[in-house]
Amino acid sequence: MNAPDLSLSRLIAAQPPLEKLVIACVLAESQRVGAQPLIRGLGPASFSMLCATCLAGLELDNGTAPAPVFDEFDELFELLVEHAAPLDQMSLWLAAAIATAAQRDNHLWQDMGLPSRRELNAILRLRFPGLAVLNVGDMKWKKFFYRQLCQSAGVPICKSPTCGVCVDHAECFGPEH
């Protein structure tokens, strides 16, 4: 009787890619909070293809809802797409999923339904490396994204000229629980 092959490389190879796991987590969290649509910015054909690709044939209804009067979904989606590598369908889906989750109220990794910030860091480094590398101080991701958006719009958002001397440093760079 042969023992099963439990080598690390075989176990890793048997796991779905991180991208698919992140998409599945975002969809599950969107369902849990009753979000409509589950992932914004995707037409019916694209959402159907996402389900076929990431959910092993499980079909979901993305739903529809009017966009809020004001949020930053479009701007954040574009920021992510600008830094996507490769710029392929999966990166577009991930950008939409991240931008959707970022409109919620908790830490981004929580709003995405991820178990910890580690997975968020990993997907950003994997699919949006040019953006991830800019977060040199390990700022909380939502704060970092919005800081990037404000800087590109020429809107000053910080109370201090540098983060190191800001009274809110712990809020931006502290632990995420």
C-alpha atoms as a PDB file:
ATOM      1  CA  MET A   1       0.000   0.000   0.000  1.00  0.00           C
ATOM      2  CA  ASN A   2       1.452   3.338  -1.027  1.00  0.00           C
ATOM      3  CA  ALA A   3       1.261   6.325   1.283  1.00  0.00           C
ATOM      4  CA  PRO A   4      -0.337   9.441  -0.208  1.00  0.00           C
ATOM      5  CA  ASP A   5       2.030  12.106  -1.509  1.00  0.00           C
ATOM      6  CA  LEU A   6       1.746  14.916   1.040  1.00  0.00           C
ATOM      7  CA  SER A   7       4.673  16.973  -0.186  1.00  0.00           C
ATOM      8  CA  LEU A   8       4.275  20.719   0.099  1.00  0.00           C
ATOM      9  CA  SER A   9       4.604  21.294  -3.642  1.00  0.00           C
ATOM     10  CA  ARG A  10       1.834  18.779  -4.371  1.00  0.00           C
ATOM     11  CA  LEU A  11      -0.448  20.317  -1.730  1.00  0.00           C
ATOM     12  CA  ILE A  12       0.159  23.796  -3.123  1.00  0.00           C
ATOM     13  CA  ALA A  13      -0.445  22.600  -6.682  1.00  0.00           C
ATOM     14  CA  ALA A  14      -3.799  21.123  -5.588  1.00  0.00           C
ATOM     15  CA  GLN A  15      -5.023  24.466  -4.266  1.00  0.00           C
ATOM     16  CA  PRO A  16      -6.889  26.925  -6.448  1.00  0.00           C
ATOM     17  CA  PRO A  17      -4.827  29.961  -7.409  1.00  0.00           C
ATOM     18  CA  LEU A  18      -4.885  32.851  -4.978  1.00  0.00           C
ATOM     19  CA  GLU A  19      -6.833  34.946  -7.473  1.00  0.00           C
ATOM     20  CA  LYS A  20      -9.756  32.502  -7.498  1.00  0.00           C
ATOM     21  CA  LEU A  21      -9.766  32.246  -3.717  1.00  0.00           C
ATOM     22  CA  VAL A  22      -9.858  36.037  -3.374  1.00  0.00           C
ATOM     23  CA  ILE A  23     -12.750  36.317  -5.844  1.00  0.00           C
ATOM     24  CA  ALA A  24     -14.652  33.575  -3.980  1.00  0.00           C
ATOM     25  CA  CYS A  25     -14.081  35.355  -0.649  1.00  0.00           C
ATOM     26  CA  VAL A  26     -15.281  38.696  -2.022  1.00  0.00           C
ATOM     27  CA  LEU A  27     -18.399  37.111  -3.479  1.00  0.00           C
ATOM     28  CA  ALA A  28     -19.166  35.290  -0.220  1.00  0.00           C
ATOM     29  CA  GLU A  29     -18.684  38.475   1.822  1.00  0.00           C
ATOM     30  CA  SER A  30     -20.834  40.464  -0.606  1.00  0.00           C
ATOM     31  CA  GLN A  31     -23.585  37.889  -0.211  1.00  0.00           C
ATOM     32  CA  ARG A  32     -23.189  37.911   3.570  1.00  0.00           C
ATOM     33  CA  VAL A  33     -23.663  41.691   3.795  1.00  0.00           C
ATOM     34  CA  GLY A  34     -26.448  41.708   1.193  1.00  0.00           C
ATOM     35  CA  ALA A  35     -24.543  43.827  -1.317  1.00  0.00           C
ATOM     36  CA  GLN A  36     -26.079  44.408  -4.729  1.00  0.00           C
ATOM     37  CA  PRO A  37     -24.387  43.995  -7.087  1.00  0.00           C
ATOM     38  CA  LEU A  38     -22.001  41.474  -5.554  1.00  0.00           C
ATOM     39  CA  ILE A  39     -19.146  42.969  -7.595  1.00  0.00           C
ATOM     40  CA  ARG A  40     -19.712  46.320  -9.252  1.00  0.00           C
ATOM     41  CA  GLY A  41     -18.563  47.253 -12.720  1.00  0.00           C
ATOM     42  CA  LEU A  42     -19.173  43.861 -14.319  1.00  0.00           C
ATOM     43  CA  GLY A  43     -21.752  43.340 -17.014  1.00  0.00           C
ATOM     44  CA  PRO A  44     -23.781  40.121 -17.118  1.00  0.00           C
ATOM     45  CA  ALA A  45     -21.446  38.379 -19.591  1.00  0.00           C
ATOM     46  CA  SER A  46     -18.305  39.273 -17.626  1.00  0.00           C
ATOM     47  CA  PHE A  47     -19.874  38.212 -14.324  1.00  0.00           C
ATOM     48  CA  SER A  48     -21.009  34.925 -15.857  1.00  0.00           C
ATOM     49  CA  MET A  49     -17.482  34.294 -17.152  1.00  0.00           C
ATOM     50  CA  LEU A  50     -16.065  35.162 -13.692  1.00  0.00           C
ATOM     51  CA  CYS A  51     -18.369  32.566 -12.091  1.00  0.00           C
ATOM     52  CA  ALA A  52     -17.434  29.937 -14.670  1.00  0.00           C
ATOM     53  CA  THR A  53     -13.723  30.633 -14.184  1.00  0.00           C
ATOM     54  CA  CYS A  54     -13.533  31.071 -10.420  1.00  0.00           C
ATOM     55  CA  LEU A  55     -16.436  29.129  -8.952  1.00  0.00           C
ATOM     56  CA  ALA A  56     -16.271  25.802 -10.778  1.00  0.00           C
ATOM     57  CA  GLY A  57     -19.569  26.311 -12.556  1.00  0.00           C
ATOM     58  CA  LEU A  58     -21.527  27.712  -9.609  1.00  0.00           C
ATOM     59  CA  GLU A  59     -23.784  30.388 -11.048  1.00  0.00           C
ATOM     60  CA  LEU A  60     -24.645  33.469  -9.010  1.00  0.00           C
ATOM     61  CA  ASP A  61     -26.819  36.453  -9.724  1.00  0.00           C
ATOM     62  CA  ASN A  62     -24.724  39.602  -9.512  1.00  0.00           C
ATOM     63  CA  GLY A  63     -27.862  41.655  -8.925  1.00  0.00           C
ATOM     64  CA  THR A  64     -28.311  45.283  -9.694  1.00  0.00           C
ATOM     65  CA  ALA A  65     -28.605  48.386  -7.633  1.00  0.00           C
ATOM     66  CA  PRO A  66     -28.171  52.039  -8.425  1.00  0.00           C
ATOM     67  CA  ALA A  67     -24.697  53.349  -7.729  1.00  0.00           C
ATOM     68  CA  PRO A  68     -24.419  55.569  -4.671  1.00  0.00           C
ATOM     69  CA  VAL A  69     -24.603  59.273  -5.340  1.00  0.00           C
ATOM     70  CA  PHE A  70     -20.943  59.655  -4.475  1.00  0.00           C
ATOM     71  CA  ASP A  71     -18.272  57.077  -3.904  1.00  0.00           C
ATOM     72  CA  GLU A  72     -14.835  56.349  -5.264  1.00  0.00           C
ATOM     73  CA  PHE A  73     -15.465  53.009  -6.991  1.00  0.00           C
ATOM     74  CA  ASP A  74     -14.617  54.262 -10.495  1.00  0.00           C
ATOM     75  CA  GLU A  75     -11.496  56.129  -9.395  1.00  0.00           C
ATOM     76  CA  LEU A  76     -10.200  53.221  -7.337  1.00  0.00           C
ATOM     77  CA  PHE A  77     -10.948  50.743 -10.129  1.00  0.00           C
ATOM     78  CA  GLU A  78      -8.934  52.903 -12.547  1.00  0.00           C
ATOM     79  CA  LEU A  79      -6.055  53.237 -10.059  1.00  0.00           C
ATOM     80  CA  LEU A  80      -5.870  49.459  -9.732  1.00  0.00           C
ATOM     81  CA  VAL A  81      -6.135  48.881 -13.488  1.00  0.00           C
ATOM     82  CA  GLU A  82      -3.317  51.387 -14.104  1.00  0.00           C
ATOM     83  CA  HIS A  83      -1.054  49.229 -11.929  1.00  0.00           C
ATOM     84  CA  ALA A  84      -2.258  45.787 -13.020  1.00  0.00           C
ATOM     85  CA  ALA A  85       0.379  43.363 -14.238  1.00  0.00           C
ATOM     86  CA  PRO A  86      -0.594  41.513 -16.244  1.00  0.00           C
ATOM     87  CA  LEU A  87      -3.541  43.537 -17.483  1.00  0.00           C
ATOM     88  CA  ASP A  88      -5.803  40.604 -18.212  1.00  0.00           C
ATOM     89  CA  GLN A  89      -9.370  39.574 -17.447  1.00  0.00           C
ATOM     90  CA  MET A  90      -8.471  38.282 -13.967  1.00  0.00           C
ATOM     91  CA  SER A  91      -6.823  41.580 -13.050  1.00  0.00           C
ATOM     92  CA  LEU A  92      -9.928  43.467 -14.195  1.00  0.00           C
ATOM     93  CA  TRP A  93     -12.146  41.206 -12.086  1.00  0.00           C
ATOM     94  CA  LEU A  94      -9.860  41.634  -9.079  1.00  0.00           C
ATOM     95  CA  ALA A  95      -9.768  45.406  -9.538  1.00  0.00           C
ATOM     96  CA  ALA A  96     -13.573  45.478  -9.586  1.00  0.00           C
ATOM     97  CA  ALA A  97     -13.773  43.199  -6.536  1.00  0.00           C
ATOM     98  CA  ILE A  98     -11.278  45.277  -4.545  1.00  0.00           C
ATOM     99  CA  ALA A  99     -12.898  48.584  -5.540  1.00  0.00           C
ATOM    100  CA  THR A 100     -16.321  47.181  -4.595  1.00  0.00           C
ATOM    101  CA  ALA A 101     -15.149  46.009  -1.169  1.00  0.00           C
ATOM    102  CA  ALA A 102     -13.306  49.276  -0.523  1.00  0.00           C
ATOM    103  CA  GLN A 103     -16.641  51.117  -0.433  1.00  0.00           C
ATOM    104  CA  ARG A 104     -17.578  49.297   2.795  1.00  0.00           C
ATOM    105  CA  ASP A 105     -16.743  50.326   6.359  1.00  0.00           C
ATOM    106  CA  ASN A 106     -14.175  47.864   7.746  1.00  0.00           C
ATOM    107  CA  HIS A 107     -10.552  47.157   6.966  1.00  0.00           C
ATOM    108  CA  LEU A 108     -10.246  46.202   3.310  1.00  0.00           C
ATOM    109  CA  TRP A 109      -9.214  42.607   4.005  1.00  0.00           C
ATOM    110  CA  GLN A 110     -12.313  42.226   6.189  1.00  0.00           C
ATOM    111  CA  ASP A 111     -14.582  43.827   3.591  1.00  0.00           C
ATOM    112  CA  MET A 112     -13.183  41.341   1.071  1.00  0.00           C
ATOM    113  CA  GLY A 113     -13.941  38.386   3.359  1.00  0.00           C
ATOM    114  CA  LEU A 114     -10.264  37.424   3.601  1.00  0.00           C
ATOM    115  CA  PRO A 115      -8.930  35.659   6.707  1.00  0.00           C
ATOM    116  CA  SER A 116      -6.207  38.269   7.296  1.00  0.00           C
ATOM    117  CA  ARG A 117      -4.340  41.196   5.783  1.00  0.00           C
ATOM    118  CA  ARG A 118      -1.667  38.764   4.612  1.00  0.00           C
ATOM    119  CA  GLU A 119      -3.838  37.503   1.732  1.00  0.00           C
ATOM    120  CA  LEU A 120      -4.666  41.066   0.678  1.00  0.00           C
ATOM    121  CA  ASN A 121      -0.970  41.940   0.651  1.00  0.00           C
ATOM    122  CA  ALA A 122      -0.247  38.818  -1.407  1.00  0.00           C
ATOM    123  CA  ILE A 123      -2.883  39.511  -4.080  1.00  0.00           C
ATOM    124  CA  LEU A 124      -1.843  43.152  -4.378  1.00  0.00           C
ATOM    125  CA  ARG A 125       1.825  42.182  -4.780  1.00  0.00           C
ATOM    126  CA  LEU A 126       0.894  39.471  -7.279  1.00  0.00           C
ATOM    127  CA  ARG A 127      -1.543  41.383  -9.503  1.00  0.00           C
ATOM    128  CA  PHE A 128      -0.877  45.093  -8.772  1.00  0.00           C
ATOM    129  CA  PRO A 129       2.854  45.119  -8.006  1.00  0.00           C
ATOM    130  CA  GLY A 130       3.495  48.696  -9.123  1.00  0.00           C
ATOM    131  CA  LEU A 131       0.919  49.954  -6.652  1.00  0.00           C
ATOM    132  CA  ALA A 132       1.905  47.590  -3.839  1.00  0.00           C
ATOM    133  CA  VAL A 133       5.522  48.711  -3.981  1.00  0.00           C
ATOM    134  CA  LEU A 134       4.440  52.331  -3.415  1.00  0.00           C
ATOM    135  CA  ASN A 135       3.077  51.447   0.018  1.00  0.00           C
ATOM    136  CA  VAL A 136       6.559  51.617   1.549  1.00  0.00           C
ATOM    137  CA  GLY A 137       5.357  52.223   5.108  1.00  0.00           C
ATOM    138  CA  ASP A 138       2.786  49.407   5.080  1.00  0.00           C
ATOM    139  CA  MET A 139      -0.048  51.910   5.434  1.00  0.00           C
ATOM    140  CA  LYS A 140      -3.493  50.384   5.790  1.00  0.00           C
ATOM    141  CA  TRP A 141      -4.659  49.673   2.261  1.00  0.00           C
ATOM    142  CA  LYS A 142      -7.826  51.770   2.160  1.00  0.00           C
ATOM    143  CA  LYS A 143      -5.995  54.765   3.569  1.00  0.00           C
ATOM    144  CA  PHE A 144      -3.180  54.168   1.092  1.00  0.00           C
ATOM    145  CA  PHE A 145      -5.565  53.922  -1.869  1.00  0.00           C
ATOM    146  CA  TYR A 146      -7.420  57.071  -0.915  1.00  0.00           C
ATOM    147  CA  ARG A 147      -4.167  58.880  -0.314  1.00  0.00           C
ATOM    148  CA  GLN A 148      -3.082  57.901  -3.834  1.00  0.00           C
ATOM    149  CA  LEU A 149      -6.384  59.151  -5.257  1.00  0.00           C
ATOM    150  CA  CYS A 150      -6.136  62.450  -3.402  1.00  0.00           C
ATOM    151  CA  GLN A 151      -2.531  62.974  -4.450  1.00  0.00           C
ATOM    152  CA  SER A 152      -3.379  62.361  -8.094  1.00  0.00           C
ATOM    153  CA  ALA A 153      -6.249  64.855  -7.813  1.00  0.00           C
ATOM    154  CA  GLY A 154      -4.011  67.399  -6.093  1.00  0.00           C
ATOM    155  CA  VAL A 155      -6.120  67.346  -2.921  1.00  0.00           C
ATOM    156  CA  PRO A 156      -4.123  67.645   0.310  1.00  0.00           C
ATOM    157  CA  ILE A 157      -5.420  65.165   2.888  1.00  0.00           C
ATOM    158  CA  CYS A 158      -2.726  64.924   5.511  1.00  0.00           C
ATOM    159  CA  LYS A 159      -2.421  67.041   8.615  1.00  0.00           C
ATOM    160  CA  SER A 160       1.381  66.886   8.522  1.00  0.00           C
ATOM    161  CA  PRO A 161       3.994  67.132   5.776  1.00  0.00           C
ATOM    162  CA  THR A 162       5.203  63.583   6.504  1.00  0.00           C
ATOM    163  CA  CYS A 163       3.580  60.572   8.100  1.00  0.00           C
ATOM    164  CA  GLY A 164       6.307  60.216  10.718  1.00  0.00           C
ATOM    165  CA  VAL A 165       5.330  63.459  12.442  1.00  0.00           C
ATOM    166  CA  CYS A 166       1.545  63.119  12.076  1.00  0.00           C
ATOM    167  CA  VAL A 167      -0.615  62.762  15.188  1.00  0.00           C
ATOM    168  CA  ASP A 168      -2.719  60.140  13.349  1.00  0.00           C
ATOM    169  CA  HIS A 169       0.260  57.884  12.514  1.00  0.00           C
ATOM    170  CA  ALA A 170      -1.077  54.974  14.618  1.00  0.00           C
ATOM    171  CA  GLU A 171      -4.460  55.183  12.885  1.00  0.00           C
ATOM    172  CA  CYS A 172      -2.925  54.846   9.421  1.00  0.00           C
ATOM    173  CA  PHE A 173      -0.142  52.371  10.201  1.00  0.00           C
ATOM    174  CA  GLY A 174      -1.344  50.520  13.302  1.00  0.00           C
ATOM    175  CA  PRO A 175      -2.341  46.865  13.471  1.00  0.00           C
ATOM    176  CA  GLU A 176      -5.554  45.725  11.800  1.00  0.00           C
ATOM    177  CA  HIS A 177      -7.654  43.447  13.968  1.00  0.00           C
END
